[in-house]
Every structure is written in C-alpha cells, then in structure tokens.
C-alpha cells in the first residue's frame, strides 16, 4: 500500500511542477495570466472546455455546480486557478508521501510486541 501512496504522491508533486512550469512558459510566451481562465483554456483547447461542460452538466447531472462554481472560476484570472491547482497538487503530494513512510522511519519501532 505504501508503494501506491508513493506513486500517487509523486504524481501530485509532478502535477504541481508541471503547472508551475506552464505558468512560467505563459509569462514568457503565451496568453496573459490576467485573462479569464475560461479564455485561456479556450485558446489552448476549446474542445476540451466544451467536453468538460458536457461532463459536468449532462453526464454527472450537476448543472447547478457548473453555474455556481465552475463559471465563476472560469471568469477569474487564470493565474489564480493555476496557483490553486499547483498548491493543492503539492499539498496532496506531500500528504501522500508522508503517509507512505514506513513505521520505522516514522519513529515507531516494535520490539517484542511493545512500542518504545
């Protein structure tokens, strides 16, 4: 189980690094990070934005979630969403990696059935 947690943890860390790298690339040569997130997403891959809307509204049957939460997020500046994704990914990665530590490395040593 700890092996799976390590893989998931490193996956989240990698996602955070990729998001930070994408932000760096966009600063140098890309749409302004002050543009709304929906506009930036539309410039990169408008088809996936439409498919995401179909997924949320029709497939999952959550049109209220789309209207109340996703649309305001898409109207916010792109940098806010990207920083949020990077921060959450790093945090989840750290949590998964921390939970994957072995008990001996965490300071819990078993001797004769007793913890010391």
N, C-alpha and C. Protein backbone atom coordinates (compact mmCIF):
# COMPACT_ATOMS: atom_id res chain seq x y z
N UNK A 1 0.82 -1.19 0.00
CA UNK A 1 0.00 0.00 0.00
C UNK A 1 0.86 1.26 0.00
N UNK A 2 2.00 1.21 0.69
CA UNK A 2 2.85 2.39 0.74
C UNK A 2 3.42 2.71 -0.64
N UNK A 3 3.63 1.67 -1.46
CA UNK A 3 4.14 1.89 -2.81
C UNK A 3 3.15 2.68 -3.66
N UNK A 4 1.89 2.36 -3.52
CA UNK A 4 0.85 3.08 -4.26
C UNK A 4 0.77 4.52 -3.79
N UNK A 5 0.85 4.72 -2.49
CA UNK A 5 0.81 6.10 -1.96
C UNK A 5 2.01 6.90 -2.46
N UNK A 6 3.17 6.27 -2.57
CA UNK A 6 4.35 6.98 -3.08
C UNK A 6 4.14 7.38 -4.53
N UNK A 7 3.61 6.48 -5.33
CA UNK A 7 3.36 6.78 -6.75
C UNK A 7 2.36 7.92 -6.87
N UNK A 8 1.27 7.86 -6.13
CA UNK A 8 0.26 8.92 -6.17
C UNK A 8 0.88 10.24 -5.68
N UNK A 9 1.64 10.19 -4.60
CA UNK A 9 2.27 11.38 -4.06
C UNK A 9 3.20 12.03 -5.06
N UNK A 10 4.07 11.23 -5.70
CA UNK A 10 4.99 11.80 -6.69
C UNK A 10 4.23 12.30 -7.92
N UNK A 11 3.10 11.64 -8.24
CA UNK A 11 2.26 12.12 -9.35
C UNK A 11 1.71 13.51 -9.07
N UNK A 12 1.24 13.74 -7.85
CA UNK A 12 0.75 15.06 -7.48
C UNK A 12 1.87 16.10 -7.47
N UNK A 13 3.04 15.72 -6.96
CA UNK A 13 4.18 16.64 -6.98
C UNK A 13 4.53 17.01 -8.42
N UNK A 14 4.54 16.02 -9.30
CA UNK A 14 4.83 16.27 -10.72
C UNK A 14 3.79 17.19 -11.33
N UNK A 15 2.51 16.99 -11.00
CA UNK A 15 1.46 17.87 -11.50
C UNK A 15 1.69 19.31 -11.04
N UNK A 16 2.08 19.50 -9.80
CA UNK A 16 2.36 20.83 -9.29
C UNK A 16 3.53 21.48 -10.03
N UNK A 17 4.58 20.69 -10.28
CA UNK A 17 5.73 21.21 -11.02
C UNK A 17 5.34 21.57 -12.44
N UNK A 18 4.53 20.73 -13.06
CA UNK A 18 4.09 21.00 -14.43
C UNK A 18 3.24 22.27 -14.49
N UNK A 19 2.38 22.46 -13.53
CA UNK A 19 1.54 23.66 -13.52
C UNK A 19 2.40 24.91 -13.31
N UNK A 20 3.38 24.83 -12.42
CA UNK A 20 4.28 25.97 -12.21
C UNK A 20 5.09 26.23 -13.48
N UNK A 21 5.53 25.18 -14.15
CA UNK A 21 6.26 25.35 -15.41
C UNK A 21 5.40 25.96 -16.50
N UNK A 22 4.15 25.53 -16.58
CA UNK A 22 3.23 26.10 -17.56
C UNK A 22 3.02 27.58 -17.31
N UNK A 23 2.91 27.96 -16.04
CA UNK A 23 2.78 29.38 -15.71
C UNK A 23 4.01 30.15 -16.15
N UNK A 24 5.19 29.57 -15.95
CA UNK A 24 6.43 30.22 -16.40
C UNK A 24 6.47 30.39 -17.91
N UNK A 25 6.06 29.37 -18.63
CA UNK A 25 6.02 29.45 -20.09
C UNK A 25 5.03 30.51 -20.55
N UNK A 26 3.87 30.57 -19.88
CA UNK A 26 2.86 31.55 -20.27
C UNK A 26 3.31 32.97 -20.00
N UNK A 27 4.12 33.16 -18.96
CA UNK A 27 4.63 34.50 -18.67
C UNK A 27 5.53 34.97 -19.81
N UNK A 28 6.36 34.05 -20.32
CA UNK A 28 7.30 34.39 -21.37
C UNK A 28 6.62 34.50 -22.74
N UNK A 29 5.81 33.50 -23.07
CA UNK A 29 5.24 33.46 -24.42
C UNK A 29 3.90 32.74 -24.38
N UNK A 30 2.86 33.45 -24.07
CA UNK A 30 1.54 32.84 -24.04
C UNK A 30 0.49 33.87 -23.73
N UNK A 31 -0.74 33.41 -23.59
CA UNK A 31 -1.79 34.36 -23.24
C UNK A 31 -1.53 34.97 -21.87
N UNK A 32 -1.90 36.22 -21.68
CA UNK A 32 -1.66 36.85 -20.37
C UNK A 32 -2.37 36.09 -19.24
N UNK A 33 -1.67 35.94 -18.13
CA UNK A 33 -2.26 35.24 -16.98
C UNK A 33 -3.35 36.07 -16.31
N UNK A 34 -3.48 37.32 -16.71
CA UNK A 34 -4.56 38.15 -16.16
C UNK A 34 -5.86 37.96 -16.93
N UNK A 35 -5.80 37.28 -18.08
CA UNK A 35 -7.03 36.96 -18.82
C UNK A 35 -7.87 35.99 -18.00
N UNK A 36 -9.18 35.98 -18.21
CA UNK A 36 -10.01 34.99 -17.52
C UNK A 36 -9.56 33.56 -17.85
N UNK A 37 -9.68 32.68 -16.88
CA UNK A 37 -9.25 31.29 -17.05
C UNK A 37 -9.98 30.62 -18.22
N UNK A 38 -11.25 30.93 -18.39
CA UNK A 38 -12.01 30.34 -19.49
C UNK A 38 -11.48 30.76 -20.85
N UNK A 39 -11.03 32.00 -20.97
CA UNK A 39 -10.46 32.49 -22.22
C UNK A 39 -9.13 31.78 -22.50
N UNK A 40 -8.30 31.64 -21.48
CA UNK A 40 -7.02 30.95 -21.64
C UNK A 40 -7.25 29.49 -22.02
N UNK A 41 -8.19 28.82 -21.34
CA UNK A 41 -8.49 27.42 -21.65
C UNK A 41 -9.00 27.32 -23.08
N UNK A 42 -9.84 28.24 -23.50
CA UNK A 42 -10.39 28.25 -24.85
C UNK A 42 -9.27 28.40 -25.89
N UNK A 43 -8.27 29.23 -25.60
CA UNK A 43 -7.15 29.41 -26.52
C UNK A 43 -6.31 28.15 -26.64
N UNK A 44 -6.11 27.44 -25.52
CA UNK A 44 -5.31 26.23 -25.54
C UNK A 44 -6.06 25.05 -26.17
N UNK A 45 -7.28 24.82 -25.72
CA UNK A 45 -8.03 23.66 -26.20
C UNK A 45 -9.52 23.87 -25.94
N UNK A 46 -10.15 24.60 -26.84
CA UNK A 46 -11.57 24.92 -26.69
C UNK A 46 -12.46 23.69 -26.68
N UNK A 47 -12.07 22.65 -27.43
CA UNK A 47 -12.88 21.44 -27.48
C UNK A 47 -12.99 20.79 -26.10
N UNK A 48 -11.87 20.72 -25.36
CA UNK A 48 -11.91 20.08 -24.05
C UNK A 48 -12.74 20.89 -23.06
N UNK A 49 -12.77 22.22 -23.23
CA UNK A 49 -13.61 23.05 -22.37
C UNK A 49 -15.08 22.69 -22.58
N UNK A 50 -15.48 22.55 -23.83
CA UNK A 50 -16.86 22.15 -24.13
C UNK A 50 -17.18 20.76 -23.60
N UNK A 51 -16.23 19.85 -23.73
CA UNK A 51 -16.43 18.49 -23.23
C UNK A 51 -16.52 18.46 -21.72
N UNK A 52 -15.76 19.32 -21.05
CA UNK A 52 -15.83 19.40 -19.59
C UNK A 52 -17.20 19.90 -19.16
N UNK A 53 -17.74 20.87 -19.90
CA UNK A 53 -19.08 21.37 -19.58
C UNK A 53 -20.11 20.27 -19.76
N UNK A 54 -20.01 19.50 -20.84
CA UNK A 54 -20.93 18.38 -21.06
C UNK A 54 -20.80 17.36 -19.94
N UNK A 55 -19.58 17.07 -19.53
CA UNK A 55 -19.35 16.11 -18.44
C UNK A 55 -20.05 16.55 -17.16
N UNK A 56 -19.84 17.81 -16.79
CA UNK A 56 -20.40 18.30 -15.53
C UNK A 56 -21.92 18.42 -15.60
N UNK A 57 -22.42 19.03 -16.66
CA UNK A 57 -23.86 19.33 -16.72
C UNK A 57 -24.70 18.12 -17.07
N UNK A 58 -24.29 17.37 -18.07
CA UNK A 58 -25.14 16.28 -18.57
C UNK A 58 -24.77 14.92 -18.00
N UNK A 59 -23.49 14.55 -18.13
CA UNK A 59 -23.07 13.21 -17.70
C UNK A 59 -23.21 13.04 -16.20
N UNK A 60 -22.70 14.01 -15.44
CA UNK A 60 -22.81 13.94 -13.98
C UNK A 60 -24.14 14.47 -13.47
N UNK A 61 -24.86 15.21 -14.34
CA UNK A 61 -26.15 15.76 -13.95
C UNK A 61 -26.06 16.84 -12.89
N UNK A 62 -25.04 17.71 -12.99
CA UNK A 62 -24.82 18.74 -11.99
C UNK A 62 -24.80 20.14 -12.62
N UNK A 63 -25.90 20.56 -13.26
CA UNK A 63 -25.88 21.89 -13.89
C UNK A 63 -25.72 23.02 -12.88
N UNK A 64 -26.20 22.84 -11.65
CA UNK A 64 -26.03 23.88 -10.63
C UNK A 64 -24.57 24.07 -10.26
N UNK A 65 -23.81 22.98 -10.20
CA UNK A 65 -22.38 23.06 -9.89
C UNK A 65 -21.68 23.88 -10.98
N UNK A 66 -22.05 23.63 -12.23
CA UNK A 66 -21.44 24.37 -13.34
C UNK A 66 -21.71 25.86 -13.19
N UNK A 67 -22.98 26.20 -12.95
CA UNK A 67 -23.37 27.61 -12.89
C UNK A 67 -22.83 28.33 -11.66
N UNK A 68 -22.84 27.65 -10.51
CA UNK A 68 -22.46 28.32 -9.25
C UNK A 68 -20.96 28.35 -8.99
N UNK A 69 -20.23 27.33 -9.46
CA UNK A 69 -18.83 27.21 -9.10
C UNK A 69 -17.87 27.26 -10.29
N UNK A 70 -18.17 26.52 -11.34
CA UNK A 70 -17.24 26.44 -12.47
C UNK A 70 -17.21 27.75 -13.26
N UNK A 71 -18.38 28.29 -13.57
CA UNK A 71 -18.42 29.53 -14.35
C UNK A 71 -17.69 30.68 -13.63
N UNK A 72 -17.93 30.90 -12.33
CA UNK A 72 -17.14 31.95 -11.66
C UNK A 72 -15.63 31.67 -11.68
N UNK A 73 -15.24 30.41 -11.56
CA UNK A 73 -13.82 30.06 -11.63
C UNK A 73 -13.25 30.35 -13.02
N UNK A 74 -14.05 30.12 -14.06
CA UNK A 74 -13.59 30.39 -15.42
C UNK A 74 -13.53 31.89 -15.71
N UNK A 75 -14.26 32.68 -14.95
CA UNK A 75 -14.22 34.14 -15.12
C UNK A 75 -13.09 34.79 -14.34
N UNK A 76 -12.53 34.08 -13.38
CA UNK A 76 -11.44 34.61 -12.57
C UNK A 76 -10.15 34.63 -13.39
N UNK A 77 -9.18 35.46 -13.00
CA UNK A 77 -7.90 35.48 -13.72
C UNK A 77 -7.25 34.10 -13.70
N UNK A 78 -6.62 33.76 -14.82
CA UNK A 78 -6.02 32.43 -14.98
C UNK A 78 -4.97 32.14 -13.91
N UNK A 79 -4.21 33.16 -13.49
CA UNK A 79 -3.15 32.91 -12.53
C UNK A 79 -3.70 32.40 -11.21
N UNK A 80 -4.90 32.83 -10.82
CA UNK A 80 -5.48 32.36 -9.55
C UNK A 80 -5.76 30.87 -9.58
N UNK A 81 -6.37 30.42 -10.65
CA UNK A 81 -6.67 28.99 -10.77
C UNK A 81 -5.43 28.14 -10.89
N UNK A 82 -4.45 28.63 -11.63
CA UNK A 82 -3.22 27.86 -11.82
C UNK A 82 -2.44 27.75 -10.52
N UNK A 83 -2.37 28.82 -9.76
CA UNK A 83 -1.69 28.76 -8.46
C UNK A 83 -2.44 27.83 -7.52
N UNK A 84 -3.77 27.87 -7.55
CA UNK A 84 -4.56 26.99 -6.69
C UNK A 84 -4.32 25.53 -7.04
N UNK A 85 -4.30 25.20 -8.33
CA UNK A 85 -4.05 23.81 -8.75
C UNK A 85 -2.66 23.37 -8.32
N UNK A 86 -1.66 24.23 -8.55
CA UNK A 86 -0.28 23.87 -8.17
C UNK A 86 -0.17 23.67 -6.66
N UNK A 87 -0.75 24.57 -5.88
CA UNK A 87 -0.66 24.47 -4.42
C UNK A 87 -1.36 23.22 -3.90
N UNK A 88 -2.55 22.95 -4.39
CA UNK A 88 -3.29 21.76 -3.95
C UNK A 88 -2.54 20.50 -4.36
N UNK A 89 -1.98 20.48 -5.57
CA UNK A 89 -1.23 19.30 -6.01
C UNK A 89 -0.01 19.06 -5.12
N UNK A 90 0.74 20.11 -4.83
CA UNK A 90 1.90 19.96 -3.93
C UNK A 90 1.46 19.47 -2.55
N UNK A 91 0.39 20.05 -2.02
CA UNK A 91 -0.09 19.66 -0.70
C UNK A 91 -0.52 18.19 -0.68
N UNK A 92 -1.29 17.77 -1.68
CA UNK A 92 -1.71 16.36 -1.75
C UNK A 92 -0.51 15.44 -1.92
N UNK A 93 0.46 15.87 -2.72
CA UNK A 93 1.66 15.07 -2.90
C UNK A 93 2.41 14.87 -1.59
N UNK A 94 2.55 15.93 -0.84
CA UNK A 94 3.23 15.84 0.46
C UNK A 94 2.46 14.94 1.42
N UNK A 95 1.15 15.08 1.43
CA UNK A 95 0.32 14.25 2.31
C UNK A 95 0.47 12.77 1.96
N UNK A 96 0.40 12.44 0.66
CA UNK A 96 0.54 11.04 0.25
C UNK A 96 1.94 10.51 0.55
N UNK A 97 2.96 11.31 0.28
CA UNK A 97 4.33 10.85 0.55
C UNK A 97 4.56 10.69 2.04
N UNK A 98 4.04 11.60 2.85
CA UNK A 98 4.19 11.49 4.30
C UNK A 98 3.49 10.24 4.83
N UNK A 99 2.30 9.95 4.29
CA UNK A 99 1.55 8.78 4.77
C UNK A 99 2.17 7.47 4.27
N UNK A 100 3.06 7.54 3.28
CA UNK A 100 3.69 6.33 2.75
C UNK A 100 4.96 5.96 3.50
N UNK A 101 5.38 6.79 4.44
CA UNK A 101 6.61 6.48 5.18
C UNK A 101 6.43 5.19 5.97
N UNK A 102 7.50 4.46 6.09
CA UNK A 102 7.43 3.23 6.87
C UNK A 102 7.37 3.58 8.35
N UNK A 103 6.87 2.67 9.15
CA UNK A 103 6.73 2.93 10.58
C UNK A 103 8.08 3.12 11.26
N UNK A 104 9.08 2.37 10.83
CA UNK A 104 10.41 2.50 11.44
C UNK A 104 10.98 3.88 11.16
N UNK A 105 10.78 4.39 9.95
CA UNK A 105 11.30 5.71 9.61
C UNK A 105 10.49 6.80 10.29
N UNK A 106 9.24 6.49 10.63
CA UNK A 106 8.40 7.49 11.29
C UNK A 106 8.68 7.56 12.79
N UNK A 107 9.55 6.68 13.29
CA UNK A 107 9.92 6.72 14.69
C UNK A 107 9.17 5.72 15.55
N UNK A 108 8.40 4.84 14.95
CA UNK A 108 7.67 3.82 15.70
C UNK A 108 8.42 2.50 15.50
N UNK A 109 9.02 2.00 16.55
CA UNK A 109 9.81 0.77 16.46
C UNK A 109 9.17 -0.28 17.34
N UNK A 110 8.95 -1.45 16.77
CA UNK A 110 8.32 -2.54 17.51
C UNK A 110 9.41 -3.48 18.03
N UNK A 111 9.38 -3.75 19.33
CA UNK A 111 10.31 -4.69 19.92
C UNK A 111 9.52 -5.59 20.85
N UNK A 112 9.46 -6.84 20.47
CA UNK A 112 8.79 -7.83 21.32
C UNK A 112 7.31 -7.51 21.53
N UNK A 113 6.67 -6.94 20.55
CA UNK A 113 5.25 -6.64 20.66
C UNK A 113 4.93 -5.34 21.38
N UNK A 114 5.94 -4.64 21.87
CA UNK A 114 5.73 -3.38 22.56
C UNK A 114 6.31 -2.25 21.75
N UNK A 115 5.67 -1.12 21.84
CA UNK A 115 6.23 0.05 21.18
C UNK A 115 7.09 0.79 22.18
N UNK A 116 8.21 1.29 21.69
CA UNK A 116 9.09 2.05 22.58
C UNK A 116 9.33 3.43 22.04
